[in-house]
Structures are given as structure tokens and as C-alpha cells.
Amino acid sequence: MPECFKSEEELRALWSNPQTRKAMLAKLAEAGFGKGELDQEKLPHLLHLKYQALPDATAALGTTEQILATFTEFQKFLYRRPAA
């Protein structure tokens, strides 16, 4: 998979952003690998599962823009290298 990224740090940077992760997942899918669970296209479904309706989700979490920003930003922390 070196053709997809040059280093572990680059992989972490690409993977931590849903947009670049989506492009990377598309390349991996073409190579025969599976699709990720944290794709932002799944966010509406996840919100519906938790809150049953978008107005209930926005009442609890903020605007749709805020929800998307939070969903995107928290993922950066999922793939950070642990502090030594």
C-alpha cells in the first residue's frame, strides 16, 4: 500500500479527515479492501438511530453544521499517535 501514502504520519493525517479518508477508502476498495465505518455519509443514519429525528439531534447537539464539524474533528483524535 505504499502507493497510497508515504509514511505512517501521512496515513494518520489522511485517515483523520473524513474527506481524504473517503478518497483513500475508494482506492482501497478498488484494490479489494472494505469500506470504513466512520464515513460522514453514515452520519444521518447514526443520528437517526440515536435521536429518531434530525430536529431532536439538532436540539441536543447544535446545528447540522456544528454536528458535522464535531464528527469530523473528533476523528482526528482517534488516529493520533499516543503520547510517549
Protein backbone atom coordinates (compact mmCIF):
# COMPACT_ATOMS: atom_id res chain seq x y z
CA MET A 1 0.00 0.00 0.00
CA PRO A 2 2.95 2.42 -0.27
CA GLU A 3 1.30 3.84 -3.39
CA CYS A 4 -1.49 5.26 -1.17
CA PHE A 5 0.73 7.07 1.37
CA LYS A 6 4.40 7.73 2.08
CA SER A 7 4.60 7.30 5.84
CA GLU A 8 2.62 6.38 8.92
CA GLU A 9 2.22 10.07 9.74
CA GLU A 10 0.79 10.77 6.29
CA LEU A 11 -1.58 7.83 6.71
CA ARG A 12 -2.75 9.18 10.07
CA ALA A 13 -3.30 12.64 8.56
CA LEU A 14 -5.25 11.23 5.60
CA TRP A 15 -7.30 8.89 7.77
CA SER A 16 -8.19 11.52 10.37
CA ASN A 17 -10.09 13.64 7.82
CA PRO A 18 -13.38 12.14 6.56
CA GLN A 19 -12.97 13.66 3.08
CA THR A 20 -9.46 12.32 2.50
CA ARG A 21 -10.42 9.07 4.22
CA LYS A 22 -13.26 8.68 1.73
CA ALA A 23 -10.86 9.06 -1.21
CA MET A 24 -8.43 6.64 0.40
CA LEU A 25 -11.22 4.12 1.06
CA ALA A 26 -12.25 4.35 -2.59
CA LYS A 27 -8.67 3.50 -3.62
CA LEU A 28 -8.58 0.65 -1.11
CA ALA A 29 -11.97 -0.64 -2.31
CA GLU A 30 -10.62 -0.70 -5.86
CA ALA A 31 -7.74 -2.79 -4.52
CA GLY A 32 -10.19 -5.18 -2.84
CA PHE A 33 -10.33 -3.84 0.75
CA GLY A 34 -13.53 -2.97 2.72
CA LYS A 35 -15.25 0.37 3.47
CA GLY A 36 -14.88 2.29 6.75
CA GLU A 37 -17.49 2.84 9.41
CA LEU A 38 -16.74 6.50 10.09
CA ASP A 39 -17.68 7.84 6.66
CA GLN A 40 -19.59 11.09 7.03
CA GLU A 41 -22.30 9.72 4.72
CA LYS A 42 -23.28 7.45 7.63
CA LEU A 43 -23.81 10.39 9.99
CA PRO A 44 -27.52 10.93 9.17
CA HIS A 45 -28.20 7.24 9.82
CA LEU A 46 -26.27 7.35 13.10
CA LEU A 47 -28.20 10.45 14.19
CA HIS A 48 -31.49 8.81 13.30
CA LEU A 49 -30.56 5.70 15.31
CA LYS A 50 -29.74 7.77 18.37
CA TYR A 51 -32.34 10.55 18.17
CA GLN A 52 -35.05 9.16 15.81
CA ALA A 53 -35.37 12.57 14.10
CA LEU A 54 -32.99 15.29 12.91
CA PRO A 55 -34.76 18.04 14.91
CA ASP A 56 -34.15 16.02 18.09
CA ALA A 57 -30.48 15.60 17.15
CA THR A 58 -30.02 19.31 16.46
CA ALA A 59 -31.80 20.19 19.71
CA ALA A 60 -29.28 18.06 21.60
CA LEU A 61 -26.13 18.67 19.55
CA GLY A 62 -26.45 22.01 17.74
CA THR A 63 -26.84 22.91 14.09
CA THR A 64 -26.17 20.39 11.35
CA GLU A 65 -23.00 22.33 10.54
CA GLN A 66 -21.86 22.03 14.17
CA ILE A 67 -22.68 18.32 14.24
CA LEU A 68 -20.71 17.68 11.05
CA ALA A 69 -17.76 19.74 12.30
CA THR A 70 -17.70 17.81 15.57
CA PHE A 71 -17.97 14.49 13.74
CA THR A 72 -15.04 15.49 11.53
CA GLU A 73 -12.86 16.99 14.25
CA PHE A 74 -13.18 14.21 16.83
CA GLN A 75 -11.92 11.67 14.31
CA LYS A 76 -8.53 13.39 14.22
CA PHE A 77 -8.05 12.27 17.80
CA LEU A 78 -8.95 8.64 17.06
CA TYR A 79 -5.88 8.15 14.90
CA ARG A 80 -3.28 10.21 16.75
CA ARG A 81 -0.16 8.52 17.95
CA PRO A 82 -0.34 8.09 21.75
CA ALA A 83 1.90 10.39 23.78
CA ALA A 84 5.06 8.66 24.94
